């Protein structure tokens, strides 16, 4: 489930070659998920890491994640 979400979002990533020769990558549908690196491969890898960390944070904080459905488990205490 998580891997599928990450791979789907990375397919929608956009990359730009900047004037200084570095690359900028972002996932437009996810605010704040972007990366910058000296080459395209490193930019892609960094963007994946940023997305993974962003996703973990959102899940931990129980925040809305666009395009991701998460069903919380309800724990019931037995007396």
PDB file of N, CA and C in Angstrom:
ATOM      1  N   UNK A   1       0.822  -1.184   0.000  1.00  0.00           N
ATOM      2  CA  UNK A   1       0.000   0.000   0.000  1.00  0.00           C
ATOM      3  C   UNK A   1       0.871   1.255   0.000  1.00  0.00           C
ATOM      4  N   UNK A   2       1.830   1.351   0.890  1.00  0.00           N
ATOM      5  CA  UNK A   2       2.699   2.528   0.942  1.00  0.00           C
ATOM      6  C   UNK A   2       3.607   2.607  -0.280  1.00  0.00           C
ATOM      7  N   UNK A   3       4.175   1.480  -0.660  1.00  0.00           N
ATOM      8  CA  UNK A   3       5.064   1.452  -1.820  1.00  0.00           C
ATOM      9  C   UNK A   3       4.313   1.857  -3.084  1.00  0.00           C
ATOM     10  N   UNK A   4       3.101   1.367  -3.222  1.00  0.00           N
ATOM     11  CA  UNK A   4       2.287   1.716  -4.397  1.00  0.00           C
ATOM     12  C   UNK A   4       2.008   3.222  -4.432  1.00  0.00           C
ATOM     13  N   UNK A   5       1.661   3.791  -3.274  1.00  0.00           N
ATOM     14  CA  UNK A   5       1.403   5.234  -3.188  1.00  0.00           C
ATOM     15  C   UNK A   5       2.657   6.024  -3.568  1.00  0.00           C
ATOM     16  N   UNK A   6       3.795   5.643  -3.006  1.00  0.00           N
ATOM     17  CA  UNK A   6       5.056   6.341  -3.279  1.00  0.00           C
ATOM     18  C   UNK A   6       5.410   6.257  -4.758  1.00  0.00           C
ATOM     19  N   UNK A   7       5.324   5.063  -5.326  1.00  0.00           N
ATOM     20  CA  UNK A   7       5.663   4.901  -6.746  1.00  0.00           C
ATOM     21  C   UNK A   7       4.715   5.685  -7.646  1.00  0.00           C
ATOM     22  N   UNK A   8       3.437   5.701  -7.295  1.00  0.00           N
ATOM     23  CA  UNK A   8       2.463   6.458  -8.080  1.00  0.00           C
ATOM     24  C   UNK A   8       2.791   7.947  -8.050  1.00  0.00           C
ATOM     25  N   UNK A   9       3.090   8.478  -6.877  1.00  0.00           N
ATOM     26  CA  UNK A   9       3.393   9.904  -6.763  1.00  0.00           C
ATOM     27  C   UNK A   9       4.698  10.254  -7.474  1.00  0.00           C
ATOM     28  N   UNK A  10       5.684   9.369  -7.414  1.00  0.00           N
ATOM     29  CA  UNK A  10       6.959   9.644  -8.085  1.00  0.00           C
ATOM     30  C   UNK A  10       6.806   9.655  -9.603  1.00  0.00           C
ATOM     31  N   UNK A  11       5.829   8.924 -10.130  1.00  0.00           N
ATOM     32  CA  UNK A  11       5.573   8.971 -11.576  1.00  0.00           C
ATOM     33  C   UNK A  11       5.087  10.350 -12.005  1.00  0.00           C
ATOM     34  N   UNK A  12       4.478  11.091 -11.070  1.00  0.00           N
ATOM     35  CA  UNK A  12       3.963  12.429 -11.371  1.00  0.00           C
ATOM     36  C   UNK A  12       4.953  13.541 -11.027  1.00  0.00           C
ATOM     37  N   UNK A  13       6.159  13.156 -10.631  1.00  0.00           N
ATOM     38  CA  UNK A  13       7.172  14.154 -10.266  1.00  0.00           C
ATOM     39  C   UNK A  13       7.596  14.946 -11.500  1.00  0.00           C
ATOM     40  N   UNK A  14       7.964  16.181 -11.257  1.00  0.00           N
ATOM     41  CA  UNK A  14       8.472  17.060 -12.321  1.00  0.00           C
ATOM     42  C   UNK A  14       9.887  17.482 -11.948  1.00  0.00           C
ATOM     43  N   UNK A  15      10.749  17.493 -12.951  1.00  0.00           N
ATOM     44  CA  UNK A  15      12.144  17.853 -12.732  1.00  0.00           C
ATOM     45  C   UNK A  15      12.527  19.001 -13.651  1.00  0.00           C
ATOM     46  N   UNK A  16      13.382  19.887 -13.119  1.00  0.00           N
ATOM     47  CA  UNK A  16      13.888  21.009 -13.914  1.00  0.00           C
ATOM     48  C   UNK A  16      15.391  21.083 -13.753  1.00  0.00           C
ATOM     49  N   UNK A  17      16.063  21.402 -14.847  1.00  0.00           N
ATOM     50  CA  UNK A  17      17.483  21.697 -14.800  1.00  0.00           C
ATOM     51  C   UNK A  17      17.607  23.186 -14.522  1.00  0.00           C
ATOM     52  N   UNK A  18      18.266  23.528 -13.423  1.00  0.00           N
ATOM     53  CA  UNK A  18      18.411  24.927 -13.031  1.00  0.00           C
ATOM     54  C   UNK A  18      19.626  25.562 -13.694  1.00  0.00           C
ATOM     55  N   UNK A  19      19.684  26.881 -13.656  1.00  0.00           N
ATOM     56  CA  UNK A  19      20.780  27.620 -14.298  1.00  0.00           C
ATOM     57  C   UNK A  19      22.152  27.241 -13.762  1.00  0.00           C
ATOM     58  N   UNK A  20      22.210  26.867 -12.488  1.00  0.00           N
ATOM     59  CA  UNK A  20      23.499  26.502 -11.895  1.00  0.00           C
ATOM     60  C   UNK A  20      23.921  25.071 -12.219  1.00  0.00           C
ATOM     61  N   UNK A  21      23.101  24.357 -13.010  1.00  0.00           N
ATOM     62  CA  UNK A  21      23.432  22.991 -13.409  1.00  0.00           C
ATOM     63  C   UNK A  21      22.870  21.924 -12.490  1.00  0.00           C
ATOM     64  N   UNK A  22      22.243  22.323 -11.400  1.00  0.00           N
ATOM     65  CA  UNK A  22      21.636  21.343 -10.497  1.00  0.00           C
ATOM     66  C   UNK A  22      20.204  21.054 -10.947  1.00  0.00           C
ATOM     67  N   UNK A  23      19.612  20.046 -10.341  1.00  0.00           N
ATOM     68  CA  UNK A  23      18.247  19.651 -10.674  1.00  0.00           C
ATOM     69  C   UNK A  23      17.314  19.911  -9.501  1.00  0.00           C
ATOM     70  N   UNK A  24      16.104  20.327  -9.831  1.00  0.00           N
ATOM     71  CA  UNK A  24      15.045  20.542  -8.860  1.00  0.00           C
ATOM     72  C   UNK A  24      13.917  19.592  -9.214  1.00  0.00           C
ATOM     73  N   UNK A  25      13.425  18.868  -8.223  1.00  0.00           N
ATOM     74  CA  UNK A  25      12.310  17.950  -8.443  1.00  0.00           C
ATOM     75  C   UNK A  25      11.215  18.206  -7.441  1.00  0.00           C
ATOM     76  N   UNK A  26       9.970  18.033  -7.883  1.00  0.00           N
ATOM     77  CA  UNK A  26       8.838  18.238  -6.986  1.00  0.00           C
ATOM     78  C   UNK A  26       7.689  17.324  -7.376  1.00  0.00           C
ATOM     79  N   UNK A  27       6.805  17.130  -6.430  1.00  0.00           N
ATOM     80  CA  UNK A  27       5.553  16.432  -6.685  1.00  0.00           C
ATOM     81  C   UNK A  27       4.471  17.475  -6.474  1.00  0.00           C
ATOM     82  N   UNK A  28       3.964  18.045  -7.564  1.00  0.00           N
ATOM     83  CA  UNK A  28       3.059  19.190  -7.468  1.00  0.00           C
ATOM     84  C   UNK A  28       1.823  18.971  -6.598  1.00  0.00           C
ATOM     85  N   UNK A  29       1.317  17.757  -6.547  1.00  0.00           N
ATOM     86  CA  UNK A  29       0.100  17.502  -5.776  1.00  0.00           C
ATOM     87  C   UNK A  29       0.347  17.403  -4.270  1.00  0.00           C
ATOM     88  N   UNK A  30       1.619  17.403  -3.857  1.00  0.00           N
ATOM     89  CA  UNK A  30       1.951  17.274  -2.433  1.00  0.00           C
ATOM     90  C   UNK A  30       2.791  18.478  -2.002  1.00  0.00           C
ATOM     91  N   UNK A  31       2.147  19.407  -1.351  1.00  0.00           N
ATOM     92  CA  UNK A  31       2.800  20.641  -0.920  1.00  0.00           C
ATOM     93  C   UNK A  31       4.000  20.343  -0.015  1.00  0.00           C
ATOM     94  N   UNK A  32       5.130  20.920  -0.372  1.00  0.00           N
ATOM     95  CA  UNK A  32       6.336  20.773   0.446  1.00  0.00           C
ATOM     96  C   UNK A  32       7.212  19.592   0.098  1.00  0.00           C
ATOM     97  N   UNK A  33       6.804  18.792  -0.885  1.00  0.00           N
ATOM     98  CA  UNK A  33       7.614  17.632  -1.266  1.00  0.00           C
ATOM     99  C   UNK A  33       8.443  18.018  -2.494  1.00  0.00           C
ATOM    100  N   UNK A  34       9.718  18.348  -2.237  1.00  0.00           N
ATOM    101  CA  UNK A  34      10.627  18.757  -3.303  1.00  0.00           C
ATOM    102  C   UNK A  34      12.048  18.401  -2.906  1.00  0.00           C
ATOM    103  N   UNK A  35      12.931  18.405  -3.899  1.00  0.00           N
ATOM    104  CA  UNK A  35      14.344  18.086  -3.660  1.00  0.00           C
ATOM    105  C   UNK A  35      15.204  18.842  -4.662  1.00  0.00           C
ATOM    106  N   UNK A  36      16.474  18.978  -4.309  1.00  0.00           N
ATOM    107  CA  UNK A  36      17.442  19.641  -5.169  1.00  0.00           C
ATOM    108  C   UNK A  36      18.757  18.882  -5.052  1.00  0.00           C
ATOM    109  N   UNK A  37      19.382  18.579  -6.201  1.00  0.00           N
ATOM    110  CA  UNK A  37      20.651  17.847  -6.171  1.00  0.00           C
ATOM    111  C   UNK A  37      21.476  18.187  -7.406  1.00  0.00           C
ATOM    112  N   UNK A  38      22.741  17.803  -7.381  1.00  0.00           N
ATOM    113  CA  UNK A  38      23.674  18.130  -8.468  1.00  0.00           C
ATOM    114  C   UNK A  38      23.383  17.379  -9.758  1.00  0.00           C
ATOM    115  N   UNK A  39      22.784  16.182  -9.659  1.00  0.00           N
ATOM    116  CA  UNK A  39      22.455  15.448 -10.886  1.00  0.00           C
ATOM    117  C   UNK A  39      21.056  14.861 -10.759  1.00  0.00           C
ATOM    118  N   UNK A  40      20.504  14.429 -11.880  1.00  0.00           N
ATOM    119  CA  UNK A  40      19.117  13.971 -11.917  1.00  0.00           C
ATOM    120  C   UNK A  40      18.898  12.723 -11.071  1.00  0.00           C
ATOM    121  N   UNK A  41      19.814  11.779 -11.122  1.00  0.00           N
ATOM    122  CA  UNK A  41      19.668  10.548 -10.341  1.00  0.00           C
ATOM    123  C   UNK A  41      19.626  10.855  -8.844  1.00  0.00           C
ATOM    124  N   UNK A  42      20.520  11.718  -8.380  1.00  0.00           N
ATOM    125  CA  UNK A  42      20.525  12.085  -6.966  1.00  0.00           C
ATOM    126  C   UNK A  42      19.256  12.842  -6.586  1.00  0.00           C
ATOM    127  N   UNK A  43      18.761  13.662  -7.497  1.00  0.00           N
ATOM    128  CA  UNK A  43      17.537  14.408  -7.245  1.00  0.00           C
ATOM    129  C   UNK A  43      16.357  13.445  -7.094  1.00  0.00           C
ATOM    130  N   UNK A  44      16.292  12.454  -7.958  1.00  0.00           N
ATOM    131  CA  UNK A  44      15.220  11.447  -7.860  1.00  0.00           C
ATOM    132  C   UNK A  44      15.293  10.692  -6.540  1.00  0.00           C
ATOM    133  N   UNK A  45      16.499  10.285  -6.162  1.00  0.00           N
ATOM    134  CA  UNK A  45      16.666   9.558  -4.899  1.00  0.00           C
ATOM    135  C   UNK A  45      16.293  10.425  -3.699  1.00  0.00           C
ATOM    136  N   UNK A  46      16.724  11.665  -3.729  1.00  0.00           N
ATOM    137  CA  UNK A  46      16.410  12.575  -2.632  1.00  0.00           C
ATOM    138  C   UNK A  46      14.908  12.846  -2.562  1.00  0.00           C
ATOM    139  N   UNK A  47      14.268  12.982  -3.714  1.00  0.00           N
ATOM    140  CA  UNK A  47      12.824  13.222  -3.739  1.00  0.00           C
ATOM    141  C   UNK A  47      12.072  12.032  -3.146  1.00  0.00           C
ATOM    142  N   UNK A  48      12.525  10.823  -3.431  1.00  0.00           N
ATOM    143  CA  UNK A  48      11.906   9.622  -2.844  1.00  0.00           C
ATOM    144  C   UNK A  48      12.032   9.664  -1.314  1.00  0.00           C
ATOM    145  N   UNK A  49      13.208   9.999  -0.823  1.00  0.00           N
ATOM    146  CA  UNK A  49      13.414  10.068   0.630  1.00  0.00           C
ATOM    147  C   UNK A  49      12.538  11.138   1.268  1.00  0.00           C
ATOM    148  N   UNK A  50      12.454  12.297   0.628  1.00  0.00           N
ATOM    149  CA  UNK A  50      11.607  13.374   1.143  1.00  0.00           C
ATOM    150  C   UNK A  50      10.153  12.919   1.179  1.00  0.00           C
ATOM    151  N   UNK A  51       9.697  12.261   0.124  1.00  0.00           N
ATOM    152  CA  UNK A  51       8.325  11.777   0.073  1.00  0.00           C
ATOM    153  C   UNK A  51       8.068  10.753   1.176  1.00  0.00           C
ATOM    154  N   UNK A  52       8.991   9.838   1.387  1.00  0.00           N
ATOM    155  CA  UNK A  52       8.835   8.831   2.441  1.00  0.00           C
ATOM    156  C   UNK A  52       8.747   9.487   3.814  1.00  0.00           C
ATOM    157  N   UNK A  53       9.623  10.438   4.090  1.00  0.00           N
ATOM    158  CA  UNK A  53       9.610  11.131   5.386  1.00  0.00           C
ATOM    159  C   UNK A  53       8.337  11.951   5.556  1.00  0.00           C
ATOM    160  N   UNK A  54       7.897  12.599   4.490  1.00  0.00           N
ATOM    161  CA  UNK A  54       6.667  13.388   4.512  1.00  0.00           C
ATOM    162  C   UNK A  54       5.479  12.483   4.824  1.00  0.00           C
ATOM    163  N   UNK A  55       5.431  11.315   4.185  1.00  0.00           N
ATOM    164  CA  UNK A  55       4.342  10.371   4.386  1.00  0.00           C
ATOM    165  C   UNK A  55       4.314   9.845   5.821  1.00  0.00           C
ATOM    166  N   UNK A  56       5.466   9.484   6.354  1.00  0.00           N
ATOM    167  CA  UNK A  56       5.538   9.008   7.740  1.00  0.00           C
ATOM    168  C   UNK A  56       5.057  10.095   8.700  1.00  0.00           C
ATOM    169  N   UNK A  57       5.484  11.326   8.478  1.00  0.00           N
ATOM    170  CA  UNK A  57       5.059  12.427   9.329  1.00  0.00           C
ATOM    171  C   UNK A  57       3.541  12.602   9.282  1.00  0.00           C
ATOM    172  N   UNK A  58       2.979  12.616   8.071  1.00  0.00           N
ATOM    173  CA  UNK A  58       1.534  12.802   7.909  1.00  0.00           C
ATOM    174  C   UNK A  58       0.756  11.674   8.585  1.00  0.00           C
ATOM    175  N   UNK A  59       1.223  10.444   8.452  1.00  0.00           N
ATOM    176  CA  UNK A  59       0.554   9.315   9.099  1.00  0.00           C
ATOM    177  C   UNK A  59       0.633   9.430  10.621  1.00  0.00           C
ATOM    178  N   UNK A  60       1.806   9.782  11.112  1.00  0.00           N
ATOM    179  CA  UNK A  60       1.990   9.917  12.562  1.00  0.00           C
ATOM    180  C   UNK A  60       1.084  11.002  13.135  1.00  0.00           C
ATOM    181  N   UNK A  61       0.955  12.096  12.422  1.00  0.00           N
ATOM    182  CA  UNK A  61       0.133  13.219  12.888  1.00  0.00           C
ATOM    183  C   UNK A  61      -1.345  13.055  12.508  1.00  0.00           C
ATOM    184  N   UNK A  62      -1.657  11.956  11.836  1.00  0.00           N
ATOM    185  CA  UNK A  62      -3.020  11.662  11.389  1.00  0.00           C
ATOM    186  C   UNK A  62      -3.596  12.788  10.542  1.00  0.00           C
ATOM    187  N   UNK A  63      -2.746  13.353   9.689  1.00  0.00           N
ATOM    188  CA  UNK A  63      -3.156  14.424   8.789  1.00  0.00           C
ATOM    189  C   UNK A  63      -3.634  13.841   7.463  1.00  0.00           C
ATOM    190  N   UNK A  64      -4.430  14.617   6.759  1.00  0.00           N
ATOM    191  CA  UNK A  64      -4.932  14.206   5.456  1.00  0.00           C
ATOM    192  C   UNK A  64      -3.783  14.078   4.460  1.00  0.00           C
ATOM    193  N   UNK A  65      -3.835  13.020   3.678  1.00  0.00           N
ATOM    194  CA  UNK A  65      -2.829  12.778   2.644  1.00  0.00           C
ATOM    195  C   UNK A  65      -3.577  12.673   1.316  1.00  0.00           C
ATOM    196  N   UNK A  66      -3.396  13.650   0.432  1.00  0.00           N
ATOM    197  CA  UNK A  66      -4.099  13.619  -0.853  1.00  0.00           C
ATOM    198  C   UNK A  66      -3.815  12.337  -1.638  1.00  0.00           C
ATOM    199  N   UNK A  67      -4.873  11.632  -2.017  1.00  0.00           N
ATOM    200  CA  UNK A  67      -4.723  10.418  -2.810  1.00  0.00           C
ATOM    201  C   UNK A  67      -4.399   9.169  -2.024  1.00  0.00           C
ATOM    202  N   UNK A  68      -4.462   9.241  -0.699  1.00  0.00           N
ATOM    203  CA  UNK A  68      -4.119   8.090   0.135  1.00  0.00           C
ATOM    204  C   UNK A  68      -5.237   7.858   1.133  1.00  0.00           C
ATOM    205  N   UNK A  69      -5.770   6.655   1.140  1.00  0.00           N
ATOM    206  CA  UNK A  69      -6.814   6.301   2.098  1.00  0.00           C
ATOM    207  C   UNK A  69      -6.196   5.416   3.157  1.00  0.00           C
ATOM    208  N   UNK A  70      -6.377   5.820   4.402  1.00  0.00           N
ATOM    209  CA  UNK A  70      -5.803   5.089   5.523  1.00  0.00           C
ATOM    210  C   UNK A  70      -6.917   4.742   6.485  1.00  0.00           C
ATOM    211  N   UNK A  71      -7.098   3.468   6.735  1.00  0.00           N
ATOM    212  CA  UNK A  71      -8.108   3.027   7.698  1.00  0.00           C
ATOM    213  C   UNK A  71      -7.431   2.734   9.024  1.00  0.00           C
ATOM    214  N   UNK A  72      -7.797   3.514  10.027  1.00  0.00           N
ATOM    215  CA  UNK A  72      -7.223   3.295  11.348  1.00  0.00           C
ATOM    216  C   UNK A  72      -7.831   2.046  11.961  1.00  0.00           C
ATOM    217  N   UNK A  73      -7.037   1.329  12.675  1.00  0.00           N
ATOM    218  CA  UNK A  73      -7.553   0.186  13.411  1.00  0.00           C
ATOM    219  C   UNK A  73      -8.091   0.697  14.739  1.00  0.00           C
ATOM    220  N   UNK A  74      -9.231   0.206  15.093  1.00  0.00           N
ATOM    221  CA  UNK A  74      -9.828   0.587  16.369  1.00  0.00           C
ATOM    222  C   UNK A  74      -9.461  -0.486  17.375  1.00  0.00           C
ATOM    223  N   UNK A  75      -8.785  -0.068  18.420  1.00  0.00           N
ATOM    224  CA  UNK A  75      -8.418  -1.034  19.449  1.00  0.00           C
ATOM    225  C   UNK A  75      -9.467  -0.995  20.553  1.00  0.00           C
ATOM    226  N   UNK A  76      -9.868  -2.155  20.968  1.00  0.00           N
ATOM    227  CA  UNK A  76     -10.875  -2.271  22.013  1.00  0.00           C
ATOM    228  C   UNK A  76     -10.251  -2.960  23.200  1.00  0.00           C
ATOM    229  N   UNK A  77     -10.393  -2.342  24.351  1.00  0.00           N
ATOM    230  CA  UNK A  77      -9.852  -2.949  25.576  1.00  0.00           C
ATOM    231  C   UNK A  77     -10.884  -3.905  26.169  1.00  0.00           C
ATOM    232  N   UNK A  78     -10.414  -5.034  26.565  1.00  0.00           N
ATOM    233  CA  UNK A  78     -11.285  -6.004  27.230  1.00  0.00           C
ATOM    234  C   UNK A  78     -11.070  -5.902  28.711  1.00  0.00           C
ATOM    235  N   UNK A  79     -12.165  -5.926  29.454  1.00  0.00           N
ATOM    236  CA  UNK A  79     -12.097  -5.814  30.923  1.00  0.00           C
ATOM    237  C   UNK A  79     -11.683  -7.108  31.543  1.00  0.00           C
TER     238      UNK A  79
END
